[in-house]
């Protein structure tokens, strides 16, 4: 007797539909659902609820216009966050937010890909695609974050080994997957580059403080395959090009989405906004060149002795840490260097420490 085939539930999960529309990341939408802010057909939604085109969805009483037939618009912005800005859209205290300088997207809205606290500077990314944001932040995709940190206090090898082995914080065990001393600093002030695999609240600061030292400066310089370079000055942003967005999407298993054509007038307007977004930064305050050589070679941006005028490098990941993959044809545009780090290793394979290889030591201190 033949078995009756099982049918998958109709529709898609509510949080996935809303995330794809660029309203927020899936995690944030799940919080909205739990708080009763989302209704489906005028009834409070539940986590895991599935919806289709016939369902009416409202958030905070406002009906959402759905254009499921339209293709997802996947745009990504890189931003060099200054000290003193917060990562929320609105602040009751009137403090500046990271959204104040960003251009308003024609479709959807910008979603944070990870956050930084008010006193932390450096690399932030934003996207209009909630699913991309969710995957980049989800622990299962193992997007490591690299920070340049200046600590005040005595640091010895035993402390570094403890931090790499793991310490217990108030919200559970935590550790750095790698720590490298960086040039700069004097007396009891020392610079280090350290890598974490999670985006827990103030995790880097709390790890160092658990050892009795004080973090006096903290800057994120890398998120997964995206590097911060010295030419994206504090307070500036730029939008990723098609090739960069495709590499980022591939990292988390998403198919490429063609970016919408942009009229020359609109592009010129964005370029003007980009230039205006930067606040004056003194020469000694410019962000340091913090590009990690993928295989112990020269740092990106130094191979040609030149500058990366658009402020980021996006690299593909190697399948074998001991063997460099054959180079593919480069696709570049002015000011962007894309180095080939092909698809990631199989799940469960040991990961290469993200800070292997020597850093450039040209006497410039990390900022």
Protein backbone atom coordinates (compact mmCIF):
# COMPACT_ATOMS: atom_id res chain seq x y z
CA UNK A 1 0.00 0.00 0.00
CA UNK A 2 1.45 3.33 -1.04
CA UNK A 3 2.01 5.98 1.57
CA UNK A 4 0.31 9.35 1.35
CA UNK A 5 2.97 11.94 0.46
CA UNK A 6 3.58 14.63 3.03
CA UNK A 7 2.94 18.17 1.90
CA UNK A 8 4.96 21.11 3.18
CA UNK A 9 2.92 23.78 4.96
CA UNK A 10 1.48 26.45 2.69
CA UNK A 11 3.16 29.84 2.49
CA UNK A 12 6.37 31.13 4.02
CA UNK A 13 7.30 32.00 7.56
CA UNK A 14 6.13 35.48 8.45
CA UNK A 15 9.50 36.73 9.71
CA UNK A 16 11.21 35.58 6.52
CA UNK A 17 8.69 37.39 4.32
CA UNK A 18 9.06 40.64 6.27
CA UNK A 19 12.85 40.38 6.37
CA UNK A 20 13.01 39.90 2.61
CA UNK A 21 11.02 43.12 2.22
CA UNK A 22 13.83 44.92 4.04
CA UNK A 23 11.80 45.92 7.11
CA UNK A 24 14.33 44.49 9.57
CA UNK A 25 16.42 41.38 10.18
CA UNK A 26 14.60 38.15 11.02
CA UNK A 27 15.80 38.33 14.62
CA UNK A 28 14.36 41.81 15.07
CA UNK A 29 11.06 40.83 13.45
CA UNK A 30 10.80 37.83 15.78
CA UNK A 31 11.10 40.29 18.66
CA UNK A 32 8.28 42.38 17.15
CA UNK A 33 6.08 39.29 16.85
CA UNK A 34 6.78 38.29 20.45
CA UNK A 35 5.83 41.80 21.58
CA UNK A 36 2.49 41.62 19.74
CA UNK A 37 3.36 44.37 17.25
CA UNK A 38 2.57 42.23 14.18
CA UNK A 39 -0.90 41.12 13.10
CA UNK A 40 -1.99 38.81 10.31
CA UNK A 41 -5.58 39.25 9.09
CA UNK A 42 -6.21 41.45 12.14
CA UNK A 43 -5.10 38.72 14.60
CA UNK A 44 -1.88 38.86 16.63
CA UNK A 45 0.81 36.87 14.82
CA UNK A 46 2.71 33.96 16.37
CA UNK A 47 6.33 32.88 15.89
CA UNK A 48 6.67 30.46 13.00
CA UNK A 49 3.32 31.44 11.48
CA UNK A 50 3.16 31.04 7.71
CA UNK A 51 1.60 33.54 5.33
CA UNK A 52 0.87 33.77 1.63
CA UNK A 53 -0.14 36.52 -0.81
CA UNK A 54 -3.74 36.50 0.42
CA UNK A 55 -2.85 37.38 4.02
CA UNK A 56 -2.99 40.98 5.25
CA UNK A 57 0.01 41.87 7.44
CA UNK A 58 0.13 44.90 9.70
CA UNK A 59 2.91 46.25 11.93
CA UNK A 60 1.92 48.62 14.74
CA UNK A 61 -1.49 48.91 13.09
CA UNK A 62 -0.09 49.95 9.70
CA UNK A 63 -0.89 47.64 6.77
CA UNK A 64 2.20 46.52 4.87
CA UNK A 65 2.14 46.81 1.09
CA UNK A 66 3.40 43.57 -0.36
CA UNK A 67 4.97 43.18 -3.77
CA UNK A 68 6.04 39.55 -3.64
CA UNK A 69 6.45 39.43 -7.39
CA UNK A 70 9.15 42.09 -7.24
CA UNK A 71 12.73 40.89 -6.94
CA UNK A 72 14.60 41.55 -3.73
CA UNK A 73 16.65 44.73 -3.85
CA UNK A 74 20.00 43.91 -2.27
CA UNK A 75 22.12 46.95 -1.56
CA UNK A 76 24.98 47.11 0.95
CA UNK A 77 26.66 50.16 2.48
CA UNK A 78 29.97 50.20 4.35
CA UNK A 79 30.35 52.89 7.01
CA UNK A 80 33.28 53.98 9.17
CA UNK A 81 31.52 54.73 12.46
CA UNK A 82 32.90 57.58 14.57
CA UNK A 83 32.95 57.65 18.35
CA UNK A 84 29.76 59.03 19.93
CA UNK A 85 27.16 57.64 17.47
CA UNK A 86 24.61 55.03 18.54
CA UNK A 87 23.29 52.17 16.40
CA UNK A 88 19.55 52.80 16.84
CA UNK A 89 17.30 54.79 14.49
CA UNK A 90 15.94 57.14 17.14
CA UNK A 91 17.30 58.19 20.49
CA UNK A 92 15.18 59.80 23.24
CA UNK A 93 18.27 61.68 24.39
CA UNK A 94 18.81 63.19 20.95
CA UNK A 95 22.26 61.69 20.43
CA UNK A 96 23.54 61.28 16.84
CA UNK A 97 22.87 57.88 15.26
CA UNK A 98 24.66 55.94 12.54
CA UNK A 99 21.62 56.41 10.29
CA UNK A 100 21.89 60.21 10.25
CA UNK A 101 24.51 60.30 7.48
CA UNK A 102 23.14 57.47 5.29
CA UNK A 103 21.18 58.12 2.08
CA UNK A 104 17.52 57.14 2.12
CA UNK A 105 16.96 54.02 -0.03
CA UNK A 106 14.22 54.17 -2.64
CA UNK A 107 12.94 50.74 -1.54
CA UNK A 108 13.00 49.24 1.96
CA UNK A 109 15.26 50.67 4.63
CA UNK A 110 18.78 50.18 5.92
CA UNK A 111 19.25 47.30 8.36
CA UNK A 112 22.32 47.07 10.64
CA UNK A 113 24.55 44.07 10.02
CA UNK A 114 25.82 43.83 13.56
CA UNK A 115 26.15 46.77 15.93
CA UNK A 116 28.84 48.70 17.75
CA UNK A 117 28.44 50.45 21.06
CA UNK A 118 28.66 54.23 21.35
CA UNK A 119 32.38 54.29 22.20
CA UNK A 120 33.47 51.77 19.54
CA UNK A 121 34.48 52.97 16.08
CA UNK A 122 35.08 51.32 12.73
CA UNK A 123 33.42 49.02 10.25
CA UNK A 124 29.63 48.88 10.11
CA UNK A 125 27.55 47.47 7.27
CA UNK A 126 23.95 48.10 6.30
CA UNK A 127 21.73 46.35 3.77
CA UNK A 128 18.21 46.59 2.37
CA UNK A 129 17.94 42.77 2.33
CA UNK A 130 16.78 41.41 5.70
CA UNK A 131 17.70 37.83 4.80
CA UNK A 132 21.28 38.82 3.99
CA UNK A 133 21.50 40.70 7.30
CA UNK A 134 20.12 37.73 9.23
CA UNK A 135 22.56 35.24 7.73
CA UNK A 136 25.59 37.46 8.19
CA UNK A 137 24.73 37.86 11.89
CA UNK A 138 23.64 34.26 12.57
CA UNK A 139 26.25 32.19 14.47
CA UNK A 140 25.81 29.21 12.13
CA UNK A 141 27.50 31.15 9.29
CA UNK A 142 30.59 31.86 11.43
CA UNK A 143 31.28 35.43 10.36
CA UNK A 144 34.34 36.32 12.43
CA UNK A 145 34.87 39.92 13.56
CA UNK A 146 38.32 41.44 13.90
CA UNK A 147 39.07 44.41 16.15
CA UNK A 148 42.02 46.70 16.77
CA UNK A 149 42.12 47.31 20.52
CA UNK A 150 44.34 49.43 22.73
CA UNK A 151 44.59 48.13 26.28
CA UNK A 152 46.08 49.79 29.32
CA UNK A 153 47.76 47.49 31.77
CA UNK A 154 50.28 44.66 31.88
CA UNK A 155 49.61 41.90 29.34
CA UNK A 156 51.65 38.69 29.36
CA UNK A 157 51.59 35.45 27.40
CA UNK A 158 49.61 33.65 30.11
CA UNK A 159 46.83 36.25 29.88
CA UNK A 160 46.70 35.93 26.09
CA UNK A 161 46.52 32.13 26.35
CA UNK A 162 43.66 32.40 28.87
CA UNK A 163 41.74 34.72 26.57
CA UNK A 164 42.23 32.29 23.66
CA UNK A 165 41.31 29.24 25.76
CA UNK A 166 38.14 30.90 27.07
CA UNK A 167 36.94 32.70 30.19
CA UNK A 168 33.58 32.78 31.90
CA UNK A 169 31.61 36.02 31.53
CA UNK A 170 28.26 36.84 33.14
CA UNK A 171 26.40 35.61 30.03
CA UNK A 172 28.47 32.46 29.51
CA UNK A 173 31.91 31.38 28.25
CA UNK A 174 33.68 33.52 25.67
CA UNK A 175 37.07 33.66 23.98
CA UNK A 176 39.15 35.18 21.23
CA UNK A 177 39.92 32.81 18.38
CA UNK A 178 43.13 34.74 17.75
CA UNK A 179 45.15 37.61 19.26
CA UNK A 180 48.13 39.32 17.64
CA UNK A 181 50.17 42.17 19.08
CA UNK A 182 50.24 45.19 16.78
CA UNK A 183 52.79 48.00 16.47
CA UNK A 184 52.17 51.21 18.40
CA UNK A 185 51.51 52.10 21.99
CA UNK A 186 53.96 52.97 24.73
CA UNK A 187 54.37 52.27 28.43
CA UNK A 188 51.35 50.32 29.65
CA UNK A 189 49.36 51.06 26.46
CA UNK A 190 49.54 48.29 23.88
CA UNK A 191 47.69 47.62 20.62
CA UNK A 192 46.35 44.17 19.71
CA UNK A 193 44.27 42.70 16.91
CA UNK A 194 41.78 40.13 18.19
CA UNK A 195 39.06 38.03 16.59
CA UNK A 196 35.70 36.88 17.96
CA UNK A 197 33.15 34.61 16.32
CA UNK A 198 30.06 36.16 17.91
CA UNK A 199 28.48 39.59 18.14
CA UNK A 200 27.63 39.60 21.84
CA UNK A 201 27.15 42.90 23.61
CA UNK A 202 30.51 44.54 24.50
CA UNK A 203 32.16 41.11 24.25
CA UNK A 204 35.65 42.35 23.30
CA UNK A 205 35.76 44.90 26.12
CA UNK A 206 34.43 42.43 28.68
CA UNK A 207 36.96 39.77 27.70
CA UNK A 208 39.90 42.10 28.25
CA UNK A 209 38.42 43.60 31.41
CA UNK A 210 38.02 40.10 32.87
CA UNK A 211 41.83 40.05 33.03
CA UNK A 212 42.10 43.31 34.94
CA UNK A 213 43.17 45.55 32.04
CA UNK A 214 41.30 48.54 30.61
CA UNK A 215 40.26 48.98 26.97
CA UNK A 216 41.03 52.58 26.02
CA UNK A 217 40.37 52.35 22.25
CA UNK A 218 38.37 49.84 20.23
CA UNK A 219 37.80 49.71 16.49
CA UNK A 220 36.29 47.02 14.27
CA UNK A 221 38.47 46.51 11.19
CA UNK A 222 36.91 43.43 9.58
CA UNK A 223 33.56 41.64 9.40
CA UNK A 224 33.82 38.25 7.64
CA UNK A 225 35.36 38.89 4.21
CA UNK A 226 34.92 42.69 4.39
CA UNK A 227 37.96 44.75 5.41
CA UNK A 228 38.18 48.38 6.47
CA UNK A 229 40.91 50.35 4.69
CA UNK A 230 42.51 53.66 5.57
CA UNK A 231 40.83 55.56 2.77
CA UNK A 232 37.29 55.32 4.13
CA UNK A 233 37.79 58.08 6.68
CA UNK A 234 35.86 58.44 9.91
CA UNK A 235 32.21 59.32 9.28
CA UNK A 236 32.24 58.32 5.60
CA UNK A 237 30.20 55.64 3.85
CA UNK A 238 30.22 54.08 0.42
CA UNK A 239 28.00 51.62 -1.38
CA UNK A 240 29.32 48.23 -2.47
CA UNK A 241 29.35 47.38 -6.15
CA UNK A 242 27.72 44.35 -7.75
CA UNK A 243 30.78 42.10 -7.55
CA UNK A 244 31.35 42.86 -3.85
CA UNK A 245 27.70 42.22 -2.96
CA UNK A 246 27.80 38.94 -4.89
CA UNK A 247 30.87 37.76 -2.92
CA UNK A 248 29.19 38.68 0.35
CA UNK A 249 26.00 36.87 -0.68
CA UNK A 250 27.92 33.76 -1.72
CA UNK A 251 29.54 33.63 1.74
CA UNK A 252 26.14 32.90 3.29
CA UNK A 253 24.65 30.77 0.53
CA UNK A 254 22.45 33.38 -1.17
CA UNK A 255 22.10 33.59 -4.93
CA UNK A 256 23.27 36.83 -6.56
CA UNK A 257 20.64 39.50 -7.17
CA UNK A 258 21.20 42.06 -9.92
CA UNK A 259 21.37 45.57 -8.56
CA UNK A 260 18.86 47.99 -10.07
CA UNK A 261 20.11 50.30 -12.79
CA UNK A 262 20.91 53.73 -11.47
CA UNK A 263 20.49 56.88 -13.55
CA UNK A 264 23.58 59.02 -13.92
CA UNK A 265 21.84 61.91 -12.15
CA UNK A 266 21.03 59.68 -9.16
CA UNK A 267 24.58 58.31 -9.05
CA UNK A 268 26.02 61.83 -9.09
CA UNK A 269 23.70 62.78 -6.22
CA UNK A 270 24.88 59.77 -4.19
CA UNK A 271 28.51 60.65 -4.86
CA UNK A 272 27.89 64.20 -3.61
CA UNK A 273 26.19 62.86 -0.48
CA UNK A 274 29.12 60.53 0.10
CA UNK A 275 31.61 63.39 -0.03
CA UNK A 276 29.52 65.53 2.30
CA UNK A 277 29.09 62.70 4.81
CA UNK A 278 32.69 62.88 5.96
CA UNK A 279 33.63 65.20 8.77
CA UNK A 280 37.16 66.63 8.70
CA UNK A 281 39.71 64.22 10.16
CA UNK A 282 43.28 65.23 10.99
CA UNK A 283 46.09 63.44 9.27
CA UNK A 284 47.19 61.76 12.49
CA UNK A 285 43.65 60.53 13.12
CA UNK A 286 43.14 58.66 9.84
CA UNK A 287 42.18 55.04 10.25
CA UNK A 288 45.07 52.63 10.00
CA UNK A 289 45.75 50.20 7.21
CA UNK A 290 44.44 47.01 8.77
CA UNK A 291 44.29 44.53 5.91
CA UNK A 292 45.38 41.04 6.88
CA UNK A 293 47.49 39.19 4.28
CA UNK A 294 45.45 36.12 3.29
CA UNK A 295 48.49 33.81 3.14
CA UNK A 296 51.37 35.63 4.79
CA UNK A 297 52.01 37.84 1.76
CA UNK A 298 51.95 41.62 1.54
CA UNK A 299 48.91 43.38 2.89
CA UNK A 300 46.19 44.25 0.42
CA UNK A 301 46.53 47.77 -0.86
CA UNK A 302 50.34 47.59 -0.46
CA UNK A 303 50.99 45.18 -3.32
CA UNK A 304 50.97 48.05 -5.77
CA UNK A 305 52.09 50.66 -3.26
CA UNK A 306 48.83 52.46 -3.88
CA UNK A 307 45.71 53.52 -2.00
CA UNK A 308 42.26 52.03 -2.15
CA UNK A 309 40.20 55.14 -2.83
CA UNK A 310 36.79 53.68 -2.11
CA UNK A 311 37.59 52.33 1.32
CA UNK A 312 37.01 48.58 1.49
CA UNK A 313 38.32 45.23 0.37
CA UNK A 314 36.08 42.20 -0.01
CA UNK A 315 37.85 38.86 -0.21
CA UNK A 316 36.64 35.36 -0.94
CA UNK A 317 37.58 32.64 1.54
CA UNK A 318 40.03 29.77 0.86
CA UNK A 319 38.92 26.15 0.79
CA UNK A 320 42.32 24.93 2.00
CA UNK A 321 44.36 27.07 4.36
CA UNK A 322 47.60 25.41 3.25
CA UNK A 323 47.06 25.74 -0.46
CA UNK A 324 46.14 28.87 -2.29
CA UNK A 325 43.41 28.40 -4.86
CA UNK A 326 44.13 29.26 -8.51
CA UNK A 327 43.52 32.91 -9.18
CA UNK A 328 40.33 33.76 -11.02
CA UNK A 329 40.01 36.69 -13.43
CA UNK A 330 39.67 39.89 -11.45
CA UNK A 331 36.64 42.08 -11.68
CA UNK A 332 37.50 45.53 -10.44
CA UNK A 333 36.35 49.10 -10.51
CA UNK A 334 38.29 52.20 -9.53
CA UNK A 335 39.56 51.99 -5.99
CA UNK A 336 38.39 48.47 -5.18
CA UNK A 337 40.63 45.45 -5.00
CA UNK A 338 39.01 42.04 -4.91
CA UNK A 339 41.34 39.22 -3.93
CA UNK A 340 40.22 35.68 -4.49
CA UNK A 341 39.47 33.64 -1.37
CA UNK A 342 37.27 30.88 -2.89
CA UNK A 343 34.34 29.15 -1.19
CA UNK A 344 34.55 28.23 2.51
CA UNK A 345 35.59 24.85 3.85
CA UNK A 346 33.09 22.06 4.58
CA UNK A 347 31.10 22.48 7.77
CA UNK A 348 32.97 21.23 10.80
CA UNK A 349 36.42 21.66 9.26
CA UNK A 350 38.93 23.56 11.42
CA UNK A 351 39.01 27.27 10.62
CA UNK A 352 42.22 29.17 9.98
CA UNK A 353 42.92 31.80 12.65
CA UNK A 354 41.77 35.04 11.10
CA UNK A 355 44.91 36.97 11.95
CA UNK A 356 47.58 34.57 10.62
CA UNK A 357 50.40 36.21 8.75
CA UNK A 358 52.38 39.30 9.49
CA UNK A 359 50.67 42.66 9.55
CA UNK A 360 52.19 45.65 7.78
CA UNK A 361 54.64 47.34 10.13
CA UNK A 362 55.23 50.70 8.54
CA UNK A 363 55.25 52.50 11.84
CA UNK A 364 51.61 53.66 11.67
CA UNK A 365 49.51 52.96 14.71
CA UNK A 366 46.06 51.50 14.44
CA UNK A 367 43.34 54.03 15.15
